[in-house]
Amino acid sequence: MNVPQGKSNGEIDRPARRVGRPTTTVLTRSLIAEAALRLLDESGADGFTMSRLAQALRVRPSALYNHVDGKEDVIAGVRELISDRIDVSAFATEPWDKAMQQWAYSYRVAFATHPPTIALLATLPVRGARRTLRMYDTVVAAMVRAGWPEEEVLSTIVAVESFILGSALDAVAPGDMFDPAGEEARVPSFASAYAARAAAIGATPPADGAFAIGLHAILDGLRARFGEITAGHSEGRFGPGGKAAKAPTSA
């Protein structure tokens, strides 16, 4: 990302200082989170520190701690900003699988827009990110209402998320990253498949097609699993919550 001359990475544009009047930054938790997200986008997780964040906001590092508890709290705020862009509205009106499909697409876009946050947020606890927790609560509640066993819901969400986050990284990778580039004779099957894909998708980004195929396969598998659960309930093979029912004991 190009940085205008005279500005450091992550620095927020501000109105020119008026002559004779000191400039004071009015900090809020939201402003700090927005600046942190910009700094992460520009410098990556390795370049993110509280000192650099304070520099970007033109304040002393100590001033940040009047609004956040520390770096972990700042990251929680960044997580909330990303989560705010994930659409969960369909879970109130659509069947769980259609809602999950819409959720997955918006989830991928939210993270692909900010690639450096993927590894960072995927490996840190969600505590402190209240809006993120509410997003998850909406998804969980809808799946439980639909009949998913409560003890399986979080594992199911994590399985889908793992695919989404990998796809978000793929979305920002070079479109020709699998180009055999002169090695066609050594890997003829691979080269042929690469050419066939290019002919089939045309100008569509390869990552988009891969995401559609993968998500379709995952949802098909989850529908099959859900069918087994609901069939088991009707036949008495599953007890409450989708747990396997105990066999009756003989008298």
C-alpha atoms as a PDB file:
ATOM      1  CA  MET A   1       0.000   0.000   0.000  1.00  0.00           C
ATOM      2  CA  ASN A   2       1.380   3.405  -0.929  1.00  0.00           C
ATOM      3  CA  VAL A   3       1.909   5.767   1.966  1.00  0.00           C
ATOM      4  CA  PRO A   4       1.890   9.514   1.225  1.00  0.00           C
ATOM      5  CA  GLN A   5       5.232  11.174   1.749  1.00  0.00           C
ATOM      6  CA  GLY A   6       5.700  12.497   5.243  1.00  0.00           C
ATOM      7  CA  LYS A   7       3.300   9.999   6.832  1.00  0.00           C
ATOM      8  CA  SER A   8       4.272   6.854   8.679  1.00  0.00           C
ATOM      9  CA  ASN A   9       2.549   3.525   8.199  1.00  0.00           C
ATOM     10  CA  GLY A  10      -0.818   3.370   9.903  1.00  0.00           C
ATOM     11  CA  GLU A  11      -1.101   7.120  10.401  1.00  0.00           C
ATOM     12  CA  ILE A  12      -4.645   8.450  10.110  1.00  0.00           C
ATOM     13  CA  ASP A  13      -5.223  11.493   7.903  1.00  0.00           C
ATOM     14  CA  ARG A  14      -6.302  14.488   9.968  1.00  0.00           C
ATOM     15  CA  PRO A  15      -7.221  18.085   9.139  1.00  0.00           C
ATOM     16  CA  ALA A  16      -4.311  20.494   8.912  1.00  0.00           C
ATOM     17  CA  ARG A  17      -3.404  22.042  12.221  1.00  0.00           C
ATOM     18  CA  ARG A  18      -4.733  25.536  12.690  1.00  0.00           C
ATOM     19  CA  VAL A  19      -2.137  28.194  13.471  1.00  0.00           C
ATOM     20  CA  GLY A  20      -2.006  29.040  17.148  1.00  0.00           C
ATOM     21  CA  ARG A  21      -4.364  26.251  18.264  1.00  0.00           C
ATOM     22  CA  PRO A  22      -2.983  22.955  19.646  1.00  0.00           C
ATOM     23  CA  THR A  23      -4.265  19.686  18.176  1.00  0.00           C
ATOM     24  CA  THR A  24      -5.696  17.177  20.628  1.00  0.00           C
ATOM     25  CA  THR A  25      -6.713  13.673  19.591  1.00  0.00           C
ATOM     26  CA  VAL A  26     -10.005  12.679  21.166  1.00  0.00           C
ATOM     27  CA  LEU A  27      -9.556   8.965  21.678  1.00  0.00           C
ATOM     28  CA  THR A  28     -12.316   6.367  21.845  1.00  0.00           C
ATOM     29  CA  ARG A  29     -12.154   2.586  21.849  1.00  0.00           C
ATOM     30  CA  SER A  30     -13.693   2.591  18.367  1.00  0.00           C
ATOM     31  CA  LEU A  31     -11.105   5.032  16.992  1.00  0.00           C
ATOM     32  CA  ILE A  32      -8.288   2.970  18.490  1.00  0.00           C
ATOM     33  CA  ALA A  33      -9.668  -0.229  16.912  1.00  0.00           C
ATOM     34  CA  GLU A  34      -9.999   1.422  13.503  1.00  0.00           C
ATOM     35  CA  ALA A  35      -6.434   2.711  13.667  1.00  0.00           C
ATOM     36  CA  ALA A  36      -5.229  -0.726  14.760  1.00  0.00           C
ATOM     37  CA  LEU A  37      -6.963  -2.377  11.810  1.00  0.00           C
ATOM     38  CA  ARG A  38      -5.317   0.075   9.430  1.00  0.00           C
ATOM     39  CA  LEU A  39      -1.930  -0.528  11.030  1.00  0.00           C
ATOM     40  CA  LEU A  40      -2.401  -4.292  10.722  1.00  0.00           C
ATOM     41  CA  ASP A  41      -3.319  -3.937   7.057  1.00  0.00           C
ATOM     42  CA  GLU A  42      -0.203  -1.890   6.374  1.00  0.00           C
ATOM     43  CA  SER A  43       2.369  -3.525   8.643  1.00  0.00           C
ATOM     44  CA  GLY A  44       1.021  -6.994   9.349  1.00  0.00           C
ATOM     45  CA  ALA A  45       0.769  -8.684  12.723  1.00  0.00           C
ATOM     46  CA  ASP A  46       4.556  -8.604  13.201  1.00  0.00           C
ATOM     47  CA  GLY A  47       4.615  -4.827  12.781  1.00  0.00           C
ATOM     48  CA  PHE A  48       1.752  -4.152  15.163  1.00  0.00           C
ATOM     49  CA  THR A  49       2.718  -2.751  18.567  1.00  0.00           C
ATOM     50  CA  MET A  50       1.045  -0.436  21.032  1.00  0.00           C
ATOM     51  CA  SER A  51       3.850   2.075  20.495  1.00  0.00           C
ATOM     52  CA  ARG A  52       3.294   2.161  16.749  1.00  0.00           C
ATOM     53  CA  LEU A  53      -0.441   2.413  17.293  1.00  0.00           C
ATOM     54  CA  ALA A  54       0.060   5.407  19.562  1.00  0.00           C
ATOM     55  CA  GLN A  55       2.354   6.966  16.974  1.00  0.00           C
ATOM     56  CA  ALA A  56      -0.303   6.514  14.279  1.00  0.00           C
ATOM     57  CA  LEU A  57      -2.837   8.247  16.508  1.00  0.00           C
ATOM     58  CA  ARG A  58      -0.349  10.961  17.507  1.00  0.00           C
ATOM     59  CA  VAL A  59      -0.693  10.280  21.209  1.00  0.00           C
ATOM     60  CA  ARG A  60       1.512   8.902  23.943  1.00  0.00           C
ATOM     61  CA  PRO A  61       1.241   5.129  24.458  1.00  0.00           C
ATOM     62  CA  SER A  62      -0.016   5.753  27.999  1.00  0.00           C
ATOM     63  CA  ALA A  63      -3.046   7.596  26.584  1.00  0.00           C
ATOM     64  CA  LEU A  64      -4.284   4.398  24.943  1.00  0.00           C
ATOM     65  CA  TYR A  65      -4.673   2.704  28.311  1.00  0.00           C
ATOM     66  CA  ASN A  66      -7.358   5.164  29.333  1.00  0.00           C
ATOM     67  CA  HIS A  67      -9.616   3.446  26.788  1.00  0.00           C
ATOM     68  CA  VAL A  68      -8.303  -0.114  26.371  1.00  0.00           C
ATOM     69  CA  ASP A  69      -6.780  -2.617  28.765  1.00  0.00           C
ATOM     70  CA  GLY A  70      -3.904  -3.518  26.492  1.00  0.00           C
ATOM     71  CA  LYS A  71      -2.998  -5.135  23.193  1.00  0.00           C
ATOM     72  CA  GLU A  72      -5.413  -8.033  23.690  1.00  0.00           C
ATOM     73  CA  ASP A  73      -8.275  -5.599  24.209  1.00  0.00           C
ATOM     74  CA  VAL A  74      -7.295  -3.696  21.051  1.00  0.00           C
ATOM     75  CA  ILE A  75      -7.309  -6.954  19.086  1.00  0.00           C
ATOM     76  CA  ALA A  76     -10.766  -7.702  20.499  1.00  0.00           C
ATOM     77  CA  GLY A  77     -11.898  -4.358  19.099  1.00  0.00           C
ATOM     78  CA  VAL A  78     -10.401  -5.214  15.709  1.00  0.00           C
ATOM     79  CA  ARG A  79     -12.224  -8.551  15.787  1.00  0.00           C
ATOM     80  CA  GLU A  80     -15.476  -6.693  16.393  1.00  0.00           C
ATOM     81  CA  LEU A  81     -14.868  -4.452  13.383  1.00  0.00           C
ATOM     82  CA  ILE A  82     -14.409  -7.513  11.175  1.00  0.00           C
ATOM     83  CA  SER A  83     -17.414  -9.283  12.691  1.00  0.00           C
ATOM     84  CA  ASP A  84     -19.614  -6.257  12.049  1.00  0.00           C
ATOM     85  CA  ARG A  85     -19.161  -6.943   8.328  1.00  0.00           C
ATOM     86  CA  ILE A  86     -20.313 -10.567   8.559  1.00  0.00           C
ATOM     87  CA  ASP A  87     -23.995 -10.868   7.636  1.00  0.00           C
ATOM     88  CA  VAL A  88     -26.026 -13.116   9.931  1.00  0.00           C
ATOM     89  CA  SER A  89     -29.448 -11.725   9.010  1.00  0.00           C
ATOM     90  CA  ALA A  90     -30.422 -14.804   6.995  1.00  0.00           C
ATOM     91  CA  PHE A  91     -30.399 -16.972  10.120  1.00  0.00           C
ATOM     92  CA  ALA A  92     -33.628 -15.226  11.178  1.00  0.00           C
ATOM     93  CA  THR A  93     -35.510 -16.006   7.969  1.00  0.00           C
ATOM     94  CA  GLU A  94     -33.854 -18.834   6.009  1.00  0.00           C
ATOM     95  CA  PRO A  95     -33.254 -22.549   6.639  1.00  0.00           C
ATOM     96  CA  TRP A  96     -29.961 -23.175   8.421  1.00  0.00           C
ATOM     97  CA  ASP A  97     -28.106 -24.346   5.285  1.00  0.00           C
ATOM     98  CA  LYS A  98     -29.113 -21.384   3.098  1.00  0.00           C
ATOM     99  CA  ALA A  99     -28.318 -19.010   5.947  1.00  0.00           C
ATOM    100  CA  MET A 100     -24.916 -20.626   6.441  1.00  0.00           C
ATOM    101  CA  GLN A 101     -24.159 -20.226   2.746  1.00  0.00           C
ATOM    102  CA  GLN A 102     -24.857 -16.476   2.892  1.00  0.00           C
ATOM    103  CA  TRP A 103     -22.930 -16.203   6.153  1.00  0.00           C
ATOM    104  CA  ALA A 104     -19.935 -17.985   4.626  1.00  0.00           C
ATOM    105  CA  TYR A 105     -19.760 -15.675   1.623  1.00  0.00           C
ATOM    106  CA  SER A 106     -19.902 -12.509   3.730  1.00  0.00           C
ATOM    107  CA  TYR A 107     -17.422 -14.022   6.227  1.00  0.00           C
ATOM    108  CA  ARG A 108     -14.911 -14.672   3.432  1.00  0.00           C
ATOM    109  CA  VAL A 109     -15.204 -11.139   2.064  1.00  0.00           C
ATOM    110  CA  ALA A 110     -14.806  -9.602   5.535  1.00  0.00           C
ATOM    111  CA  PHE A 111     -11.495 -11.359   6.140  1.00  0.00           C
ATOM    112  CA  ALA A 112     -10.177 -11.263   2.571  1.00  0.00           C
ATOM    113  CA  THR A 113     -10.430  -7.474   2.804  1.00  0.00           C
ATOM    114  CA  HIS A 114      -7.971  -7.560   5.733  1.00  0.00           C
ATOM    115  CA  PRO A 115      -5.633 -10.560   5.141  1.00  0.00           C
ATOM    116  CA  PRO A 116      -3.177  -9.825   7.995  1.00  0.00           C
ATOM    117  CA  THR A 117      -5.974 -10.317  10.516  1.00  0.00           C
ATOM    118  CA  ILE A 118      -6.642 -13.916   9.476  1.00  0.00           C
ATOM    119  CA  ALA A 119      -3.795 -15.679  11.284  1.00  0.00           C
ATOM    120  CA  LEU A 120      -3.962 -13.225  14.179  1.00  0.00           C
ATOM    121  CA  LEU A 121      -7.668 -13.548  14.933  1.00  0.00           C
ATOM    122  CA  ALA A 122      -7.834 -17.261  14.142  1.00  0.00           C
ATOM    123  CA  THR A 123      -5.426 -18.034  16.983  1.00  0.00           C
ATOM    124  CA  LEU A 124      -6.588 -15.664  19.724  1.00  0.00           C
ATOM    125  CA  PRO A 125      -9.535 -16.109  22.135  1.00  0.00           C
ATOM    126  CA  VAL A 126     -12.765 -14.241  21.374  1.00  0.00           C
ATOM    127  CA  ARG A 127     -13.143 -12.976  24.937  1.00  0.00           C
ATOM    128  CA  GLY A 128     -13.711  -9.250  25.114  1.00  0.00           C
ATOM    129  CA  ALA A 129     -15.146  -9.075  21.585  1.00  0.00           C
ATOM    130  CA  ARG A 130     -18.798  -8.758  22.577  1.00  0.00           C
ATOM    131  CA  ARG A 131     -20.174  -8.042  19.106  1.00  0.00           C
ATOM    132  CA  THR A 132     -18.307 -11.066  17.750  1.00  0.00           C
ATOM    133  CA  LEU A 133     -19.796 -13.224  20.485  1.00  0.00           C
ATOM    134  CA  ARG A 134     -23.276 -11.956  19.587  1.00  0.00           C
ATOM    135  CA  MET A 135     -22.625 -12.901  15.963  1.00  0.00           C
ATOM    136  CA  TYR A 136     -21.752 -16.436  17.019  1.00  0.00           C
ATOM    137  CA  ASP A 137     -24.743 -16.541  19.344  1.00  0.00           C
ATOM    138  CA  THR A 138     -27.050 -15.789  16.417  1.00  0.00           C
ATOM    139  CA  VAL A 139     -25.587 -18.650  14.363  1.00  0.00           C
ATOM    140  CA  VAL A 140     -25.643 -21.120  17.251  1.00  0.00           C
ATOM    141  CA  ALA A 141     -29.219 -20.283  18.249  1.00  0.00           C
ATOM    142  CA  ALA A 142     -30.465 -20.739  14.676  1.00  0.00           C
ATOM    143  CA  MET A 143     -28.773 -24.119  14.288  1.00  0.00           C
ATOM    144  CA  VAL A 144     -30.092 -25.391  17.617  1.00  0.00           C
ATOM    145  CA  ARG A 145     -33.599 -24.239  16.666  1.00  0.00           C
ATOM    146  CA  ALA A 146     -33.261 -26.136  13.407  1.00  0.00           C
ATOM    147  CA  GLY A 147     -32.533 -29.342  15.317  1.00  0.00           C
ATOM    148  CA  TRP A 148     -28.752 -29.584  15.398  1.00  0.00           C
ATOM    149  CA  PRO A 149     -27.409 -31.274  18.539  1.00  0.00           C
ATOM    150  CA  GLU A 150     -26.154 -28.529  20.831  1.00  0.00           C
ATOM    151  CA  GLU A 151     -22.890 -30.339  21.535  1.00  0.00           C
ATOM    152  CA  GLU A 152     -22.074 -30.479  17.794  1.00  0.00           C
ATOM    153  CA  VAL A 153     -22.864 -26.900  16.847  1.00  0.00           C
ATOM    154  CA  LEU A 154     -19.570 -25.206  17.761  1.00  0.00           C
ATOM    155  CA  SER A 155     -17.477 -27.950  16.160  1.00  0.00           C
ATOM    156  CA  THR A 156     -19.558 -27.627  13.005  1.00  0.00           C
ATOM    157  CA  ILE A 157     -19.077 -23.857  12.933  1.00  0.00           C
ATOM    158  CA  VAL A 158     -15.313 -24.199  13.466  1.00  0.00           C
ATOM    159  CA  ALA A 159     -15.101 -26.732  10.625  1.00  0.00           C
ATOM    160  CA  VAL A 160     -16.842 -24.318   8.247  1.00  0.00           C
ATOM    161  CA  GLU A 161     -14.772 -21.370   9.508  1.00  0.00           C
ATOM    162  CA  SER A 162     -11.515 -23.225   8.875  1.00  0.00           C
ATOM    163  CA  PHE A 163     -12.465 -23.587   5.220  1.00  0.00           C
ATOM    164  CA  ILE A 164     -13.638 -19.963   4.975  1.00  0.00           C
ATOM    165  CA  LEU A 165     -10.420 -18.538   6.440  1.00  0.00           C
ATOM    166  CA  GLY A 166      -8.263 -20.630   4.128  1.00  0.00           C
ATOM    167  CA  SER A 167     -10.384 -19.451   1.213  1.00  0.00           C
ATOM    168  CA  ALA A 168      -9.993 -15.844   2.351  1.00  0.00           C
ATOM    169  CA  LEU A 169      -6.223 -16.228   2.043  1.00  0.00           C
ATOM    170  CA  ASP A 170      -6.636 -17.887  -1.338  1.00  0.00           C
ATOM    171  CA  ALA A 171      -8.734 -14.919  -2.457  1.00  0.00           C
ATOM    172  CA  VAL A 172      -5.736 -12.587  -2.124  1.00  0.00           C
ATOM    173  CA  ALA A 173      -3.181 -15.010  -3.594  1.00  0.00           C
ATOM    174  CA  PRO A 174      -1.923 -14.499  -7.178  1.00  0.00           C
ATOM    175  CA  GLY A 175      -4.341 -15.947  -9.718  1.00  0.00           C
ATOM    176  CA  ASP A 176      -1.495 -17.731 -11.516  1.00  0.00           C
ATOM    177  CA  MET A 177       0.088 -19.305  -8.462  1.00  0.00           C
ATOM    178  CA  PHE A 178      -0.487 -22.811  -9.900  1.00  0.00           C
ATOM    179  CA  ASP A 179       0.877 -21.974 -13.344  1.00  0.00           C
ATOM    180  CA  PRO A 180       3.391 -24.750 -14.204  1.00  0.00           C
ATOM    181  CA  ALA A 181       5.415 -22.086 -16.057  1.00  0.00           C
ATOM    182  CA  GLY A 182       7.548 -24.112 -18.469  1.00  0.00           C
ATOM    183  CA  GLU A 183       7.354 -27.367 -16.517  1.00  0.00           C
ATOM    184  CA  GLU A 184       4.402 -28.732 -18.505  1.00  0.00           C
ATOM    185  CA  ALA A 185       6.376 -31.662 -19.895  1.00  0.00           C
ATOM    186  CA  ARG A 186       7.363 -32.798 -16.405  1.00  0.00           C
ATOM    187  CA  VAL A 187       3.830 -32.572 -14.970  1.00  0.00           C
ATOM    188  CA  PRO A 188       1.526 -33.195 -17.944  1.00  0.00           C
ATOM    189  CA  SER A 189      -1.590 -34.078 -15.924  1.00  0.00           C
ATOM    190  CA  PHE A 190      -1.245 -31.035 -13.696  1.00  0.00           C
ATOM    191  CA  ALA A 191      -0.555 -28.746 -16.660  1.00  0.00           C
ATOM    192  CA  SER A 192      -3.557 -30.091 -18.541  1.00  0.00           C
ATOM    193  CA  ALA A 193      -5.829 -29.547 -15.522  1.00  0.00           C
ATOM    194  CA  TYR A 194      -4.491 -25.993 -15.127  1.00  0.00           C
ATOM    195  CA  ALA A 195      -5.247 -25.221 -18.764  1.00  0.00           C
ATOM    196  CA  ALA A 196      -8.684 -26.825 -18.547  1.00  0.00           C
ATOM    197  CA  ARG A 197      -9.579 -24.756 -15.497  1.00  0.00           C
ATOM    198  CA  ALA A 198      -8.416 -21.560 -17.172  1.00  0.00           C
ATOM    199  CA  ALA A 199     -10.573 -22.314 -20.212  1.00  0.00           C
ATOM    200  CA  ALA A 200     -13.597 -23.121 -18.054  1.00  0.00           C
ATOM    201  CA  ILE A 201     -13.564 -20.119 -15.733  1.00  0.00           C
ATOM    202  CA  GLY A 202     -12.439 -17.417 -18.137  1.00  0.00           C
ATOM    203  CA  ALA A 203     -12.027 -14.121 -16.307  1.00  0.00           C
ATOM    204  CA  THR A 204     -13.512 -15.410 -13.036  1.00  0.00           C
ATOM    205  CA  PRO A 205     -10.881 -15.437 -10.258  1.00  0.00           C
ATOM    206  CA  PRO A 206      -9.806 -19.052  -9.632  1.00  0.00           C
ATOM    207  CA  ALA A 207     -10.244 -18.598  -5.887  1.00  0.00           C
ATOM    208  CA  ASP A 208     -13.941 -17.787  -6.319  1.00  0.00           C
ATOM    209  CA  GLY A 209     -14.600 -21.016  -8.184  1.00  0.00           C
ATOM    210  CA  ALA A 210     -12.663 -23.051  -5.637  1.00  0.00           C
ATOM    211  CA  PHE A 211     -14.629 -21.463  -2.799  1.00  0.00           C
ATOM    212  CA  ALA A 212     -17.965 -22.221  -4.454  1.00  0.00           C
ATOM    213  CA  ILE A 213     -17.020 -25.873  -5.027  1.00  0.00           C
ATOM    214  CA  GLY A 214     -15.680 -26.327  -1.499  1.00  0.00           C
ATOM    215  CA  LEU A 215     -18.620 -24.651   0.220  1.00  0.00           C
ATOM    216  CA  HIS A 216     -21.084 -26.676  -1.853  1.00  0.00           C
ATOM    217  CA  ALA A 217     -19.334 -29.897  -0.823  1.00  0.00           C
ATOM    218  CA  ILE A 218     -19.255 -28.905   2.858  1.00  0.00           C
ATOM    219  CA  LEU A 219     -22.936 -27.987   2.928  1.00  0.00           C
ATOM    220  CA  ASP A 220     -23.848 -31.228   1.149  1.00  0.00           C
ATOM    221  CA  GLY A 221     -21.967 -33.135   3.835  1.00  0.00           C
ATOM    222  CA  LEU A 222     -23.638 -31.191   6.633  1.00  0.00           C
ATOM    223  CA  ARG A 223     -27.075 -31.734   5.091  1.00  0.00           C
ATOM    224  CA  ALA A 224     -26.341 -35.465   5.001  1.00  0.00           C
ATOM    225  CA  ARG A 225     -25.251 -35.379   8.641  1.00  0.00           C
ATOM    226  CA  PHE A 226     -28.351 -33.396   9.605  1.00  0.00           C
ATOM    227  CA  GLY A 227     -30.517 -35.916   7.739  1.00  0.00           C
ATOM    228  CA  GLU A 228     -28.991 -38.746   9.755  1.00  0.00           C
ATOM    229  CA  ILE A 229     -29.714 -36.889  12.981  1.00  0.00           C
ATOM    230  CA  THR A 230     -33.337 -36.100  12.143  1.00  0.00           C
ATOM    231  CA  ALA A 231     -33.934 -39.642  10.859  1.00  0.00           C
ATOM    232  CA  GLY A 232     -32.398 -41.020  14.036  1.00  0.00           C
ATOM    233  CA  HIS A 233     -34.774 -38.942  16.135  1.00  0.00           C
ATOM    234  CA  SER A 234     -37.807 -40.268  14.293  1.00  0.00           C
ATOM    235  CA  GLU A 235     -36.593 -43.859  14.636  1.00  0.00           C
ATOM    236  CA  GLY A 236     -35.563 -43.459  18.262  1.00  0.00           C
ATOM    237  CA  ARG A 237     -31.860 -43.964  17.574  1.00  0.00           C
ATOM    238  CA  PHE A 238     -30.985 -40.546  18.972  1.00  0.00           C
ATOM    239  CA  GLY A 239     -32.061 -39.079  22.267  1.00  0.00           C
ATOM    240  CA  PRO A 240     -32.386 -35.379  23.140  1.00  0.00           C
ATOM    241  CA  GLY A 241     -29.639 -33.238  21.674  1.00  0.00           C
ATOM    242  CA  GLY A 242     -28.751 -35.783  19.012  1.00  0.00           C
ATOM    243  CA  LYS A 243     -27.009 -38.149  21.419  1.00  0.00           C
ATOM    244  CA  ALA A 244     -27.258 -41.842  20.691  1.00  0.00           C
ATOM    245  CA  ALA A 245     -30.114 -43.310  22.698  1.00  0.00           C
ATOM    246  CA  LYS A 246     -29.304 -46.063  25.169  1.00  0.00           C
ATOM    247  CA  ALA A 247     -30.512 -49.516  24.274  1.00  0.00           C
ATOM    248  CA  PRO A 248     -33.291 -50.737  26.537  1.00  0.00           C
ATOM    249  CA  THR A 249     -32.173 -53.146  29.268  1.00  0.00           C
ATOM    250  CA  SER A 250     -33.760 -56.542  29.436  1.00  0.00           C
ATOM    251  CA  ALA A 251     -35.947 -57.364  32.423  1.00  0.00           C
END
